[in-house]
């Protein structure tokens, strides 16, 4: 398994734990299923995550711009929101980059055929 994919699975694992701790069981189950799909090498899950990553990147970018504008008037809460949305942009960009890499695609293809 490529190291960059291990990092992505670790980030998704943290999302599962945080969702479970926040009693958001539906989100924890969805993240867990996505994590399992990536680990199994499912190509449909990879493509779905890339699409969701682009949507998340667009949404978080717009929300970060709005939080930046709001930070002029509301310094504390708007800055926390800005950091949150910038983290969301970084996560989505990393996910798109990671799942688009040739070695990750090759590993997922081999994993789906039980060659690894």
PDB file of N, CA and C in Angstrom:
ATOM      1  N   UNK A   1       0.855  -1.177   0.000  1.00  0.00           N
ATOM      2  CA  UNK A   1       0.000   0.000   0.000  1.00  0.00           C
ATOM      3  C   UNK A   1       0.901   1.241   0.000  1.00  0.00           C
ATOM      4  N   UNK A   2       0.646   2.157  -0.935  1.00  0.00           N
ATOM      5  CA  UNK A   2       1.438   3.393  -0.960  1.00  0.00           C
ATOM      6  C   UNK A   2       1.241   4.205   0.318  1.00  0.00           C
ATOM      7  N   UNK A   3       2.296   4.886   0.725  1.00  0.00           N
ATOM      8  CA  UNK A   3       2.251   5.672   1.954  1.00  0.00           C
ATOM      9  C   UNK A   3       1.201   6.762   1.934  1.00  0.00           C
ATOM     10  N   UNK A   4       1.032   7.399   0.775  1.00  0.00           N
ATOM     11  CA  UNK A   4       0.034   8.478   0.680  1.00  0.00           C
ATOM     12  C   UNK A   4      -1.380   7.956   0.887  1.00  0.00           C
ATOM     13  N   UNK A   5      -1.621   6.709   0.486  1.00  0.00           N
ATOM     14  CA  UNK A   5      -2.936   6.102   0.707  1.00  0.00           C
ATOM     15  C   UNK A   5      -3.118   5.750   2.183  1.00  0.00           C
ATOM     16  N   UNK A   6      -2.035   5.364   2.851  1.00  0.00           N
ATOM     17  CA  UNK A   6      -2.108   5.113   4.295  1.00  0.00           C
ATOM     18  C   UNK A   6      -2.474   6.390   5.040  1.00  0.00           C
ATOM     19  N   UNK A   7      -1.890   7.510   4.613  1.00  0.00           N
ATOM     20  CA  UNK A   7      -2.216   8.795   5.243  1.00  0.00           C
ATOM     21  C   UNK A   7      -3.691   9.129   5.027  1.00  0.00           C
ATOM     22  N   UNK A   8      -4.182   8.926   3.805  1.00  0.00           N
ATOM     23  CA  UNK A   8      -5.594   9.197   3.512  1.00  0.00           C
ATOM     24  C   UNK A   8      -6.511   8.313   4.350  1.00  0.00           C
ATOM     25  N   UNK A   9      -6.184   7.034   4.458  1.00  0.00           N
ATOM     26  CA  UNK A   9      -6.992   6.138   5.291  1.00  0.00           C
ATOM     27  C   UNK A   9      -6.931   6.553   6.763  1.00  0.00           C
ATOM     28  N   UNK A  10      -5.785   7.053   7.203  1.00  0.00           N
ATOM     29  CA  UNK A  10      -5.667   7.550   8.573  1.00  0.00           C
ATOM     30  C   UNK A  10      -6.555   8.760   8.824  1.00  0.00           C
ATOM     31  N   UNK A  11      -6.600   9.668   7.853  1.00  0.00           N
ATOM     32  CA  UNK A  11      -7.455  10.853   7.984  1.00  0.00           C
ATOM     33  C   UNK A  11      -8.925  10.445   8.006  1.00  0.00           C
ATOM     34  N   UNK A  12      -9.292   9.505   7.135  1.00  0.00           N
ATOM     35  CA  UNK A  12     -10.680   9.023   7.136  1.00  0.00           C
ATOM     36  C   UNK A  12     -10.981   8.304   8.451  1.00  0.00           C
ATOM     37  N   UNK A  13     -10.004   7.564   8.990  1.00  0.00           N
ATOM     38  CA  UNK A  13     -10.181   6.894  10.276  1.00  0.00           C
ATOM     39  C   UNK A  13     -10.419   7.881  11.407  1.00  0.00           C
ATOM     40  N   UNK A  14      -9.696   8.999  11.387  1.00  0.00           N
ATOM     41  CA  UNK A  14      -9.919  10.044  12.393  1.00  0.00           C
ATOM     42  C   UNK A  14     -11.333  10.600  12.258  1.00  0.00           C
ATOM     43  N   UNK A  15     -11.809  10.763  11.020  1.00  0.00           N
ATOM     44  CA  UNK A  15     -13.176  11.248  10.802  1.00  0.00           C
ATOM     45  C   UNK A  15     -14.198  10.260  11.352  1.00  0.00           C
ATOM     46  N   UNK A  16     -13.925   8.962  11.211  1.00  0.00           N
ATOM     47  CA  UNK A  16     -14.829   7.944  11.768  1.00  0.00           C
ATOM     48  C   UNK A  16     -14.891   8.078  13.284  1.00  0.00           C
ATOM     49  N   UNK A  17     -13.733   8.193  13.916  1.00  0.00           N
ATOM     50  CA  UNK A  17     -13.677   8.283  15.380  1.00  0.00           C
ATOM     51  C   UNK A  17     -14.367   9.555  15.871  1.00  0.00           C
ATOM     52  N   UNK A  18     -14.085  10.685  15.224  1.00  0.00           N
ATOM     53  CA  UNK A  18     -14.701  11.940  15.658  1.00  0.00           C
ATOM     54  C   UNK A  18     -16.212  11.923  15.457  1.00  0.00           C
ATOM     55  N   UNK A  19     -16.672  11.303  14.378  1.00  0.00           N
ATOM     56  CA  UNK A  19     -18.119  11.195  14.164  1.00  0.00           C
ATOM     57  C   UNK A  19     -18.758  10.304  15.218  1.00  0.00           C
ATOM     58  N   UNK A  20     -18.086   9.219  15.574  1.00  0.00           N
ATOM     59  CA  UNK A  20     -18.625   8.323  16.602  1.00  0.00           C
ATOM     60  C   UNK A  20     -18.633   9.007  17.967  1.00  0.00           C
ATOM     61  N   UNK A  21     -17.582   9.765  18.276  1.00  0.00           N
ATOM     62  CA  UNK A  21     -17.540  10.473  19.553  1.00  0.00           C
ATOM     63  C   UNK A  21     -18.607  11.559  19.628  1.00  0.00           C
ATOM     64  N   UNK A  22     -18.951  12.130  18.490  1.00  0.00           N
ATOM     65  CA  UNK A  22     -19.982  13.160  18.446  1.00  0.00           C
ATOM     66  C   UNK A  22     -21.380  12.593  18.300  1.00  0.00           C
ATOM     67  N   UNK A  23     -21.521  11.295  18.433  1.00  0.00           N
ATOM     68  CA  UNK A  23     -22.806  10.589  18.320  1.00  0.00           C
ATOM     69  C   UNK A  23     -23.468  10.782  16.959  1.00  0.00           C
ATOM     70  N   UNK A  24     -22.666  11.000  15.930  1.00  0.00           N
ATOM     71  CA  UNK A  24     -23.179  11.093  14.567  1.00  0.00           C
ATOM     72  C   UNK A  24     -22.932   9.742  13.900  1.00  0.00           C
ATOM     73  N   UNK A  25     -23.765   8.771  14.260  1.00  0.00           N
ATOM     74  CA  UNK A  25     -23.530   7.383  13.862  1.00  0.00           C
ATOM     75  C   UNK A  25     -23.679   7.163  12.368  1.00  0.00           C
ATOM     76  N   UNK A  26     -24.604   7.873  11.734  1.00  0.00           N
ATOM     77  CA  UNK A  26     -24.798   7.707  10.286  1.00  0.00           C
ATOM     78  C   UNK A  26     -23.536   8.119   9.535  1.00  0.00           C
ATOM     79  N   UNK A  27     -22.955   9.254   9.915  1.00  0.00           N
ATOM     80  CA  UNK A  27     -21.729   9.716   9.267  1.00  0.00           C
ATOM     81  C   UNK A  27     -20.569   8.775   9.564  1.00  0.00           C
ATOM     82  N   UNK A  28     -20.499   8.260  10.780  1.00  0.00           N
ATOM     83  CA  UNK A  28     -19.430   7.320  11.128  1.00  0.00           C
ATOM     84  C   UNK A  28     -19.534   6.048  10.292  1.00  0.00           C
ATOM     85  N   UNK A  29     -20.752   5.567  10.084  1.00  0.00           N
ATOM     86  CA  UNK A  29     -20.946   4.358   9.269  1.00  0.00           C
ATOM     87  C   UNK A  29     -20.573   4.628   7.819  1.00  0.00           C
ATOM     88  N   UNK A  30     -20.968   5.785   7.290  1.00  0.00           N
ATOM     89  CA  UNK A  30     -20.635   6.117   5.897  1.00  0.00           C
ATOM     90  C   UNK A  30     -19.128   6.233   5.726  1.00  0.00           C
ATOM     91  N   UNK A  31     -18.458   6.936   6.642  1.00  0.00           N
ATOM     92  CA  UNK A  31     -16.996   7.041   6.571  1.00  0.00           C
ATOM     93  C   UNK A  31     -16.345   5.666   6.685  1.00  0.00           C
ATOM     94  N   UNK A  32     -16.878   4.826   7.551  1.00  0.00           N
ATOM     95  CA  UNK A  32     -16.334   3.473   7.687  1.00  0.00           C
ATOM     96  C   UNK A  32     -16.483   2.662   6.415  1.00  0.00           C
ATOM     97  N   UNK A  33     -17.640   2.771   5.756  1.00  0.00           N
ATOM     98  CA  UNK A  33     -17.845   2.057   4.494  1.00  0.00           C
ATOM     99  C   UNK A  33     -16.936   2.592   3.393  1.00  0.00           C
ATOM    100  N   UNK A  34     -16.743   3.908   3.360  1.00  0.00           N
ATOM    101  CA  UNK A  34     -15.827   4.498   2.381  1.00  0.00           C
ATOM    102  C   UNK A  34     -14.405   4.012   2.634  1.00  0.00           C
ATOM    103  N   UNK A  35     -14.019   3.990   3.897  1.00  0.00           N
ATOM    104  CA  UNK A  35     -12.683   3.515   4.260  1.00  0.00           C
ATOM    105  C   UNK A  35     -12.495   2.063   3.832  1.00  0.00           C
ATOM    106  N   UNK A  36     -13.506   1.237   4.053  1.00  0.00           N
ATOM    107  CA  UNK A  36     -13.444  -0.161   3.651  1.00  0.00           C
ATOM    108  C   UNK A  36     -13.362  -0.281   2.130  1.00  0.00           C
ATOM    109  N   UNK A  37     -14.129   0.549   1.410  1.00  0.00           N
ATOM    110  CA  UNK A  37     -14.097   0.519  -0.049  1.00  0.00           C
ATOM    111  C   UNK A  37     -12.741   0.895  -0.611  1.00  0.00           C
ATOM    112  N   UNK A  38     -12.099   1.896  -0.014  1.00  0.00           N
ATOM    113  CA  UNK A  38     -10.750   2.276  -0.457  1.00  0.00           C
ATOM    114  C   UNK A  38      -9.771   1.165  -0.134  1.00  0.00           C
ATOM    115  N   UNK A  39      -9.879   0.599   1.050  1.00  0.00           N
ATOM    116  CA  UNK A  39      -8.966  -0.480   1.455  1.00  0.00           C
ATOM    117  C   UNK A  39      -9.113  -1.703   0.558  1.00  0.00           C
ATOM    118  N   UNK A  40     -10.328  -1.987   0.085  1.00  0.00           N
ATOM    119  CA  UNK A  40     -10.563  -3.131  -0.805  1.00  0.00           C
ATOM    120  C   UNK A  40     -10.169  -2.840  -2.246  1.00  0.00           C
ATOM    121  N   UNK A  41      -9.924  -1.568  -2.582  1.00  0.00           N
ATOM    122  CA  UNK A  41      -9.513  -1.219  -3.931  1.00  0.00           C
ATOM    123  C   UNK A  41     -10.661  -1.032  -4.893  1.00  0.00           C
ATOM    124  N   UNK A  42     -11.812  -0.638  -4.394  1.00  0.00           N
ATOM    125  CA  UNK A  42     -12.995  -0.465  -5.234  1.00  0.00           C
ATOM    126  C   UNK A  42     -12.844   0.787  -6.097  1.00  0.00           C
ATOM    127  N   UNK A  43     -12.879   0.606  -7.410  1.00  0.00           N
ATOM    128  CA  UNK A  43     -12.707   1.717  -8.353  1.00  0.00           C
ATOM    129  C   UNK A  43     -13.876   2.696  -8.292  1.00  0.00           C
ATOM    130  N   UNK A  44     -15.080   2.204  -8.061  1.00  0.00           N
ATOM    131  CA  UNK A  44     -16.245   3.079  -7.960  1.00  0.00           C
ATOM    132  C   UNK A  44     -16.113   4.012  -6.761  1.00  0.00           C
ATOM    133  N   UNK A  45     -15.634   3.487  -5.650  1.00  0.00           N
ATOM    134  CA  UNK A  45     -15.433   4.317  -4.458  1.00  0.00           C
ATOM    135  C   UNK A  45     -14.365   5.370  -4.734  1.00  0.00           C
ATOM    136  N   UNK A  46     -13.305   4.992  -5.450  1.00  0.00           N
ATOM    137  CA  UNK A  46     -12.239   5.946  -5.779  1.00  0.00           C
ATOM    138  C   UNK A  46     -12.793   7.096  -6.619  1.00  0.00           C
ATOM    139  N   UNK A  47     -13.560   6.771  -7.659  1.00  0.00           N
ATOM    140  CA  UNK A  47     -14.131   7.816  -8.515  1.00  0.00           C
ATOM    141  C   UNK A  47     -15.136   8.670  -7.753  1.00  0.00           C
ATOM    142  N   UNK A  48     -15.948   8.042  -6.907  1.00  0.00           N
ATOM    143  CA  UNK A  48     -16.924   8.778  -6.107  1.00  0.00           C
ATOM    144  C   UNK A  48     -16.224   9.749  -5.151  1.00  0.00           C
ATOM    145  N   UNK A  49     -15.133   9.300  -4.536  1.00  0.00           N
ATOM    146  CA  UNK A  49     -14.396  10.172  -3.623  1.00  0.00           C
ATOM    147  C   UNK A  49     -13.752  11.341  -4.352  1.00  0.00           C
ATOM    148  N   UNK A  50     -13.319  11.128  -5.585  1.00  0.00           N
ATOM    149  CA  UNK A  50     -12.751  12.235  -6.352  1.00  0.00           C
ATOM    150  C   UNK A  50     -13.832  13.274  -6.649  1.00  0.00           C
ATOM    151  N   UNK A  51     -15.021  12.824  -7.041  1.00  0.00           N
ATOM    152  CA  UNK A  51     -16.132  13.755  -7.304  1.00  0.00           C
ATOM    153  C   UNK A  51     -16.525  14.489  -6.026  1.00  0.00           C
ATOM    154  N   UNK A  52     -16.657  13.753  -4.933  1.00  0.00           N
ATOM    155  CA  UNK A  52     -17.011  14.374  -3.650  1.00  0.00           C
ATOM    156  C   UNK A  52     -15.903  15.323  -3.197  1.00  0.00           C
ATOM    157  N   UNK A  53     -14.656  14.970  -3.476  1.00  0.00           N
ATOM    158  CA  UNK A  53     -13.540  15.850  -3.145  1.00  0.00           C
ATOM    159  C   UNK A  53     -13.616  17.175  -3.888  1.00  0.00           C
ATOM    160  N   UNK A  54     -13.962  17.133  -5.172  1.00  0.00           N
ATOM    161  CA  UNK A  54     -14.120  18.378  -5.932  1.00  0.00           C
ATOM    162  C   UNK A  54     -15.269  19.218  -5.392  1.00  0.00           C
ATOM    163  N   UNK A  55     -16.381  18.564  -5.071  1.00  0.00           N
ATOM    164  CA  UNK A  55     -17.511  19.303  -4.499  1.00  0.00           C
ATOM    165  C   UNK A  55     -17.136  19.921  -3.155  1.00  0.00           C
ATOM    166  N   UNK A  56     -16.428  19.156  -2.326  1.00  0.00           N
ATOM    167  CA  UNK A  56     -15.986  19.674  -1.038  1.00  0.00           C
ATOM    168  C   UNK A  56     -14.996  20.812  -1.182  1.00  0.00           C
ATOM    169  N   UNK A  57     -14.124  20.719  -2.180  1.00  0.00           N
ATOM    170  CA  UNK A  57     -13.154  21.783  -2.424  1.00  0.00           C
ATOM    171  C   UNK A  57     -13.859  23.079  -2.825  1.00  0.00           C
ATOM    172  N   UNK A  58     -14.862  22.968  -3.678  1.00  0.00           N
ATOM    173  CA  UNK A  58     -15.623  24.150  -4.102  1.00  0.00           C
ATOM    174  C   UNK A  58     -16.391  24.736  -2.919  1.00  0.00           C
ATOM    175  N   UNK A  59     -17.108  23.879  -2.175  1.00  0.00           N
ATOM    176  CA  UNK A  59     -17.896  24.360  -1.034  1.00  0.00           C
ATOM    177  C   UNK A  59     -16.999  24.996   0.026  1.00  0.00           C
ATOM    178  N   UNK A  60     -15.923  24.318   0.393  1.00  0.00           N
ATOM    179  CA  UNK A  60     -15.035  24.850   1.427  1.00  0.00           C
ATOM    180  C   UNK A  60     -14.325  26.115   0.964  1.00  0.00           C
ATOM    181  N   UNK A  61     -14.017  26.211  -0.321  1.00  0.00           N
ATOM    182  CA  UNK A  61     -13.400  27.432  -0.834  1.00  0.00           C
ATOM    183  C   UNK A  61     -14.332  28.625  -0.737  1.00  0.00           C
ATOM    184  N   UNK A  62     -15.590  28.418  -1.112  1.00  0.00           N
ATOM    185  CA  UNK A  62     -16.582  29.497  -1.010  1.00  0.00           C
ATOM    186  C   UNK A  62     -16.807  29.871   0.453  1.00  0.00           C
ATOM    187  N   UNK A  63     -16.944  28.861   1.314  1.00  0.00           N
ATOM    188  CA  UNK A  63     -17.176  29.127   2.739  1.00  0.00           C
ATOM    189  C   UNK A  63     -15.965  29.800   3.380  1.00  0.00           C
ATOM    190  N   UNK A  64     -14.753  29.431   2.952  1.00  0.00           N
ATOM    191  CA  UNK A  64     -13.550  30.074   3.491  1.00  0.00           C
ATOM    192  C   UNK A  64     -13.493  31.538   3.076  1.00  0.00           C
ATOM    193  N   UNK A  65     -13.879  31.830   1.846  1.00  0.00           N
ATOM    194  CA  UNK A  65     -13.908  33.225   1.403  1.00  0.00           C
ATOM    195  C   UNK A  65     -14.926  34.025   2.209  1.00  0.00           C
ATOM    196  N   UNK A  66     -16.085  33.432   2.481  1.00  0.00           N
ATOM    197  CA  UNK A  66     -17.098  34.117   3.287  1.00  0.00           C
ATOM    198  C   UNK A  66     -16.607  34.309   4.721  1.00  0.00           C
ATOM    199  N   UNK A  67     -15.916  33.314   5.266  1.00  0.00           N
ATOM    200  CA  UNK A  67     -15.391  33.441   6.628  1.00  0.00           C
ATOM    201  C   UNK A  67     -14.291  34.494   6.690  1.00  0.00           C
ATOM    202  N   UNK A  68     -13.513  34.610   5.614  1.00  0.00           N
ATOM    203  CA  UNK A  68     -12.470  35.631   5.571  1.00  0.00           C
ATOM    204  C   UNK A  68     -13.083  37.028   5.574  1.00  0.00           C
ATOM    205  N   UNK A  69     -14.159  37.201   4.816  1.00  0.00           N
ATOM    206  CA  UNK A  69     -14.858  38.490   4.806  1.00  0.00           C
ATOM    207  C   UNK A  69     -15.474  38.759   6.178  1.00  0.00           C
ATOM    208  N   UNK A  70     -16.044  37.741   6.799  1.00  0.00           N
ATOM    209  CA  UNK A  70     -16.677  37.919   8.110  1.00  0.00           C
ATOM    210  C   UNK A  70     -15.654  38.147   9.214  1.00  0.00           C
ATOM    211  N   UNK A  71     -14.417  37.702   9.001  1.00  0.00           N
ATOM    212  CA  UNK A  71     -13.407  37.852  10.056  1.00  0.00           C
ATOM    213  C   UNK A  71     -13.038  39.308  10.284  1.00  0.00           C
ATOM    214  N   UNK A  72     -13.374  40.174   9.344  1.00  0.00           N
ATOM    215  CA  UNK A  72     -13.117  41.598   9.538  1.00  0.00           C
ATOM    216  C   UNK A  72     -13.974  42.129  10.685  1.00  0.00           C
ATOM    217  N   UNK A  73     -15.232  41.696  10.746  1.00  0.00           N
ATOM    218  CA  UNK A  73     -16.144  42.189  11.780  1.00  0.00           C
ATOM    219  C   UNK A  73     -16.142  41.307  13.028  1.00  0.00           C
ATOM    220  N   UNK A  74     -16.126  39.997  12.851  1.00  0.00           N
ATOM    221  CA  UNK A  74     -16.195  39.062  13.974  1.00  0.00           C
ATOM    222  C   UNK A  74     -14.880  38.297  14.042  1.00  0.00           C
ATOM    223  N   UNK A  75     -13.984  38.754  14.851  1.00  0.00           N
ATOM    224  CA  UNK A  75     -12.631  38.202  14.810  1.00  0.00           C
ATOM    225  C   UNK A  75     -12.540  36.762  15.307  1.00  0.00           C
ATOM    226  N   UNK A  76     -13.116  36.437  16.438  1.00  0.00           N
ATOM    227  CA  UNK A  76     -12.907  35.128  17.053  1.00  0.00           C
ATOM    228  C   UNK A  76     -13.551  33.968  16.330  1.00  0.00           C
ATOM    229  N   UNK A  77     -14.859  33.984  16.240  1.00  0.00           N
ATOM    230  CA  UNK A  77     -15.577  32.859  15.646  1.00  0.00           C
ATOM    231  C   UNK A  77     -15.318  32.725  14.157  1.00  0.00           C
ATOM    232  N   UNK A  78     -15.197  33.832  13.464  1.00  0.00           N
ATOM    233  CA  UNK A  78     -14.958  33.773  12.022  1.00  0.00           C
ATOM    234  C   UNK A  78     -13.580  33.197  11.727  1.00  0.00           C
ATOM    235  N   UNK A  79     -12.604  33.477  12.572  1.00  0.00           N
ATOM    236  CA  UNK A  79     -11.270  32.908  12.358  1.00  0.00           C
ATOM    237  C   UNK A  79     -11.270  31.403  12.591  1.00  0.00           C
ATOM    238  N   UNK A  80     -12.043  30.949  13.567  1.00  0.00           N
ATOM    239  CA  UNK A  80     -12.167  29.508  13.794  1.00  0.00           C
ATOM    240  C   UNK A  80     -12.832  28.851  12.592  1.00  0.00           C
ATOM    241  N   UNK A  81     -13.872  29.486  12.070  1.00  0.00           N
ATOM    242  CA  UNK A  81     -14.539  28.961  10.874  1.00  0.00           C
ATOM    243  C   UNK A  81     -13.589  28.966   9.686  1.00  0.00           C
ATOM    244  N   UNK A  82     -12.783  30.011   9.551  1.00  0.00           N
ATOM    245  CA  UNK A  82     -11.827  30.091   8.449  1.00  0.00           C
ATOM    246  C   UNK A  82     -10.821  28.950   8.511  1.00  0.00           C
ATOM    247  N   UNK A  83     -10.297  28.681   9.692  1.00  0.00           N
ATOM    248  CA  UNK A  83      -9.353  27.569   9.851  1.00  0.00           C
ATOM    249  C   UNK A  83     -10.028  26.247   9.512  1.00  0.00           C
ATOM    250  N   UNK A  84     -11.265  26.076   9.937  1.00  0.00           N
ATOM    251  CA  UNK A  84     -12.011  24.857   9.646  1.00  0.00           C
ATOM    252  C   UNK A  84     -12.183  24.662   8.140  1.00  0.00           C
ATOM    253  N   UNK A  85     -12.557  25.704   7.432  1.00  0.00           N
ATOM    254  CA  UNK A  85     -12.787  25.586   5.993  1.00  0.00           C
ATOM    255  C   UNK A  85     -11.480  25.430   5.220  1.00  0.00           C
ATOM    256  N   UNK A  86     -10.417  26.065   5.686  1.00  0.00           N
ATOM    257  CA  UNK A  86      -9.110  25.871   5.035  1.00  0.00           C
ATOM    258  C   UNK A  86      -8.653  24.429   5.224  1.00  0.00           C
ATOM    259  N   UNK A  87      -8.871  23.857   6.418  1.00  0.00           N
ATOM    260  CA  UNK A  87      -8.552  22.448   6.644  1.00  0.00           C
ATOM    261  C   UNK A  87      -9.379  21.562   5.718  1.00  0.00           C
ATOM    262  N   UNK A  88     -10.651  21.891   5.531  1.00  0.00           N
ATOM    263  CA  UNK A  88     -11.501  21.137   4.614  1.00  0.00           C
ATOM    264  C   UNK A  88     -10.987  21.201   3.187  1.00  0.00           C
ATOM    265  N   UNK A  89     -10.523  22.376   2.763  1.00  0.00           N
ATOM    266  CA  UNK A  89      -9.948  22.515   1.417  1.00  0.00           C
ATOM    267  C   UNK A  89      -8.688  21.670   1.283  1.00  0.00           C
ATOM    268  N   UNK A  90      -7.835  21.706   2.300  1.00  0.00           N
ATOM    269  CA  UNK A  90      -6.590  20.931   2.248  1.00  0.00           C
ATOM    270  C   UNK A  90      -6.886  19.435   2.203  1.00  0.00           C
ATOM    271  N   UNK A  91      -7.848  18.983   2.994  1.00  0.00           N
ATOM    272  CA  UNK A  91      -8.219  17.564   3.002  1.00  0.00           C
ATOM    273  C   UNK A  91      -8.751  17.128   1.643  1.00  0.00           C
ATOM    274  N   UNK A  92      -9.650  17.925   1.074  1.00  0.00           N
ATOM    275  CA  UNK A  92     -10.227  17.573  -0.232  1.00  0.00           C
ATOM    276  C   UNK A  92      -9.163  17.586  -1.322  1.00  0.00           C
ATOM    277  N   UNK A  93      -8.282  18.574  -1.299  1.00  0.00           N
ATOM    278  CA  UNK A  93      -7.219  18.641  -2.306  1.00  0.00           C
ATOM    279  C   UNK A  93      -6.281  17.444  -2.178  1.00  0.00           C
ATOM    280  N   UNK A  94      -5.935  17.064  -0.942  1.00  0.00           N
ATOM    281  CA  UNK A  94      -5.067  15.900  -0.747  1.00  0.00           C
ATOM    282  C   UNK A  94      -5.753  14.624  -1.226  1.00  0.00           C
ATOM    283  N   UNK A  95      -7.045  14.493  -0.955  1.00  0.00           N
ATOM    284  CA  UNK A  95      -7.777  13.299  -1.373  1.00  0.00           C
ATOM    285  C   UNK A  95      -7.813  13.197  -2.897  1.00  0.00           C
ATOM    286  N   UNK A  96      -8.085  14.314  -3.575  1.00  0.00           N
ATOM    287  CA  UNK A  96      -8.106  14.314  -5.039  1.00  0.00           C
ATOM    288  C   UNK A  96      -6.729  13.961  -5.579  1.00  0.00           C
ATOM    289  N   UNK A  97      -5.697  14.586  -5.025  1.00  0.00           N
ATOM    290  CA  UNK A  97      -4.329  14.324  -5.477  1.00  0.00           C
ATOM    291  C   UNK A  97      -3.938  12.874  -5.238  1.00  0.00           C
ATOM    292  N   UNK A  98      -4.205  12.376  -4.045  1.00  0.00           N
ATOM    293  CA  UNK A  98      -3.808  11.012  -3.676  1.00  0.00           C
ATOM    294  C   UNK A  98      -4.490   9.978  -4.559  1.00  0.00           C
ATOM    295  N   UNK A  99      -5.790  10.095  -4.725  1.00  0.00           N
ATOM    296  CA  UNK A  99      -6.530   9.095  -5.491  1.00  0.00           C
ATOM    297  C   UNK A  99      -6.290   9.204  -6.992  1.00  0.00           C
ATOM    298  N   UNK A 100      -5.696  10.298  -7.434  1.00  0.00           N
ATOM    299  CA  UNK A 100      -5.363  10.458  -8.841  1.00  0.00           C
ATOM    300  C   UNK A 100      -3.966   9.989  -9.201  1.00  0.00           C
ATOM    301  N   UNK A 101      -3.161   9.621  -8.205  1.00  0.00           N
ATOM    302  CA  UNK A 101      -1.789   9.184  -8.459  1.00  0.00           C
ATOM    303  C   UNK A 101      -1.761   7.802  -9.095  1.00  0.00           C
ATOM    304  N   UNK A 102      -0.788   7.603  -9.985  1.00  0.00           N
ATOM    305  CA  UNK A 102      -0.696   6.354 -10.736  1.00  0.00           C
ATOM    306  C   UNK A 102      -0.425   5.156  -9.822  1.00  0.00           C
ATOM    307  N   UNK A 103       0.456   5.318  -8.827  1.00  0.00           N
ATOM    308  CA  UNK A 103       0.769   4.177  -7.954  1.00  0.00           C
ATOM    309  C   UNK A 103      -0.426   3.780  -7.090  1.00  0.00           C
ATOM    310  N   UNK A 104      -1.233   4.753  -6.674  1.00  0.00           N
ATOM    311  CA  UNK A 104      -2.435   4.448  -5.896  1.00  0.00           C
ATOM    312  C   UNK A 104      -3.451   3.724  -6.771  1.00  0.00           C
ATOM    313  N   UNK A 105      -3.638   4.203  -7.995  1.00  0.00           N
ATOM    314  CA  UNK A 105      -4.562   3.538  -8.913  1.00  0.00           C
ATOM    315  C   UNK A 105      -4.101   2.113  -9.198  1.00  0.00           C
ATOM    316  N   UNK A 106      -2.794   1.947  -9.408  1.00  0.00           N
ATOM    317  CA  UNK A 106      -2.245   0.617  -9.685  1.00  0.00           C
ATOM    318  C   UNK A 106      -2.456  -0.315  -8.485  1.00  0.00           C
ATOM    319  N   UNK A 107      -2.188   0.190  -7.275  1.00  0.00           N
ATOM    320  CA  UNK A 107      -2.360  -0.636  -6.085  1.00  0.00           C
ATOM    321  C   UNK A 107      -3.826  -1.014  -5.901  1.00  0.00           C
ATOM    322  N   UNK A 108      -4.737  -0.049  -6.098  1.00  0.00           N
ATOM    323  CA  UNK A 108      -6.165  -0.336  -5.921  1.00  0.00           C
ATOM    324  C   UNK A 108      -6.653  -1.343  -6.959  1.00  0.00           C
ATOM    325  N   UNK A 109      -6.145  -1.245  -8.200  1.00  0.00           N
ATOM    326  CA  UNK A 109      -6.525  -2.211  -9.230  1.00  0.00           C
ATOM    327  C   UNK A 109      -6.042  -3.607  -8.853  1.00  0.00           C
ATOM    328  N   UNK A 110      -4.781  -3.711  -8.435  1.00  0.00           N
ATOM    329  CA  UNK A 110      -4.248  -5.015  -8.024  1.00  0.00           C
ATOM    330  C   UNK A 110      -4.971  -5.554  -6.799  1.00  0.00           C
ATOM    331  N   UNK A 111      -5.315  -4.672  -5.874  1.00  0.00           N
ATOM    332  CA  UNK A 111      -6.023  -5.087  -4.661  1.00  0.00           C
ATOM    333  C   UNK A 111      -7.418  -5.611  -5.001  1.00  0.00           C
ATOM    334  N   UNK A 112      -8.079  -4.974  -5.968  1.00  0.00           N
ATOM    335  CA  UNK A 112      -9.424  -5.424  -6.335  1.00  0.00           C
ATOM    336  C   UNK A 112      -9.396  -6.795  -7.003  1.00  0.00           C
ATOM    337  N   UNK A 113      -8.271  -7.142  -7.617  1.00  0.00           N
ATOM    338  CA  UNK A 113      -8.125  -8.458  -8.247  1.00  0.00           C
ATOM    339  C   UNK A 113      -7.429  -9.467  -7.337  1.00  0.00           C
ATOM    340  N   UNK A 114      -7.196  -9.088  -6.080  1.00  0.00           N
ATOM    341  CA  UNK A 114      -6.507  -9.927  -5.087  1.00  0.00           C
ATOM    342  C   UNK A 114      -5.117 -10.338  -5.549  1.00  0.00           C
ATOM    343  N   UNK A 115      -4.403  -9.415  -6.209  1.00  0.00           N
ATOM    344  CA  UNK A 115      -3.038  -9.684  -6.649  1.00  0.00           C
ATOM    345  C   UNK A 115      -2.004  -9.227  -5.635  1.00  0.00           C
ATOM    346  N   UNK A 116      -2.430  -8.487  -4.609  1.00  0.00           N
ATOM    347  CA  UNK A 116      -1.480  -8.029  -3.597  1.00  0.00           C
ATOM    348  C   UNK A 116      -1.760  -8.678  -2.272  1.00  0.00           C
TER     349      UNK A 116
END
